[in-house]
């Protein structure tokens, strides 16, 4: 009898896991892989919306060159996406 009372709550947690938590973890994993696979010359967009080309990389930072030649240093985690060329 007690198990039947807990069944709706358990079912709700299972639904939340498959609809919300699991897809979010999958997206985070894809972003981490993309950030780890960055290379010099890749076109990227930062989380702030800055578009540029990677000029240099090290473990934690990325130097991005703008169209006018300006170079800015960002944390690797600030890269939102890699633009297909």
Protein backbone atom coordinates (compact mmCIF):
# COMPACT_ATOMS: atom_id res chain seq x y z
CA UNK A 1 0.00 0.00 0.00
CA UNK A 2 2.80 2.44 0.83
CA UNK A 3 4.57 1.69 -2.45
CA UNK A 4 1.49 2.69 -4.41
CA UNK A 5 1.49 6.07 -2.69
CA UNK A 6 5.13 6.66 -3.66
CA UNK A 7 4.71 5.47 -7.24
CA UNK A 8 3.56 8.86 -8.67
CA UNK A 9 6.53 10.64 -7.09
CA UNK A 10 8.98 8.03 -8.37
CA UNK A 11 7.42 8.21 -11.82
CA UNK A 12 7.72 12.00 -11.79
CA UNK A 13 11.46 11.79 -10.97
CA UNK A 14 12.00 9.30 -13.79
CA UNK A 15 10.20 11.59 -16.27
CA UNK A 16 12.22 14.62 -15.11
CA UNK A 17 15.44 12.66 -15.52
CA UNK A 18 14.73 11.63 -19.11
CA UNK A 19 13.17 14.92 -20.22
CA UNK A 20 15.35 17.49 -18.44
CA UNK A 21 18.46 16.20 -16.70
CA UNK A 22 19.79 13.69 -19.23
CA UNK A 23 19.54 15.98 -22.31
CA UNK A 24 21.23 18.82 -20.39
CA UNK A 25 24.13 16.55 -19.39
CA UNK A 26 24.47 15.44 -23.01
CA UNK A 27 24.66 19.08 -24.22
CA UNK A 28 27.26 19.92 -21.55
CA UNK A 29 29.38 16.96 -22.64
CA UNK A 30 29.22 18.08 -26.29
CA UNK A 31 30.27 21.63 -25.36
CA UNK A 32 33.20 20.33 -23.25
CA UNK A 33 34.36 18.12 -26.13
CA UNK A 34 34.11 21.04 -28.57
CA UNK A 35 36.11 23.29 -26.22
CA UNK A 36 38.79 20.62 -25.80
CA UNK A 37 39.06 20.04 -29.57
CA UNK A 38 39.63 23.72 -30.49
CA UNK A 39 42.57 24.41 -32.77
CA UNK A 40 44.39 27.46 -34.12
CA UNK A 41 42.48 28.94 -37.05
CA UNK A 42 39.01 27.81 -35.93
CA UNK A 43 36.23 30.38 -36.22
CA UNK A 44 34.41 30.68 -32.90
CA UNK A 45 31.71 32.61 -31.06
CA UNK A 46 32.08 33.40 -27.36
CA UNK A 47 29.26 33.35 -24.80
CA UNK A 48 29.29 37.15 -25.03
CA UNK A 49 28.67 37.05 -28.79
CA UNK A 50 32.20 37.97 -29.93
CA UNK A 51 33.08 36.44 -33.33
CA UNK A 52 36.70 35.74 -34.18
CA UNK A 53 39.40 33.33 -35.22
CA UNK A 54 41.58 31.46 -32.72
CA UNK A 55 45.10 32.88 -32.85
CA UNK A 56 46.68 30.90 -29.98
CA UNK A 57 45.69 28.34 -27.35
CA UNK A 58 46.96 26.99 -24.08
CA UNK A 59 45.38 24.78 -21.44
CA UNK A 60 42.98 27.30 -19.94
CA UNK A 61 42.91 30.30 -22.29
CA UNK A 62 42.30 31.13 -25.93
CA UNK A 63 43.56 34.19 -27.83
CA UNK A 64 40.95 35.25 -30.38
CA UNK A 65 41.71 37.61 -33.25
CA UNK A 66 38.98 39.93 -34.48
CA UNK A 67 38.54 41.02 -38.08
CA UNK A 68 40.55 44.21 -37.53
CA UNK A 69 43.50 42.30 -36.06
CA UNK A 70 42.71 42.99 -32.41
CA UNK A 71 43.60 40.04 -30.16
CA UNK A 72 41.62 39.27 -27.01
CA UNK A 73 42.27 36.57 -24.42
CA UNK A 74 39.37 34.48 -23.13
CA UNK A 75 38.99 31.47 -20.87
CA UNK A 76 38.49 28.32 -22.90
CA UNK A 77 35.11 27.85 -21.19
CA UNK A 78 33.91 31.17 -22.68
CA UNK A 79 33.73 29.64 -26.17
CA UNK A 80 30.08 28.92 -26.94
CA UNK A 81 30.40 27.38 -30.37
CA UNK A 82 32.69 26.63 -33.25
CA UNK A 83 31.46 28.03 -36.56
CA UNK A 84 31.47 25.71 -39.55
CA UNK A 85 33.66 27.10 -42.29
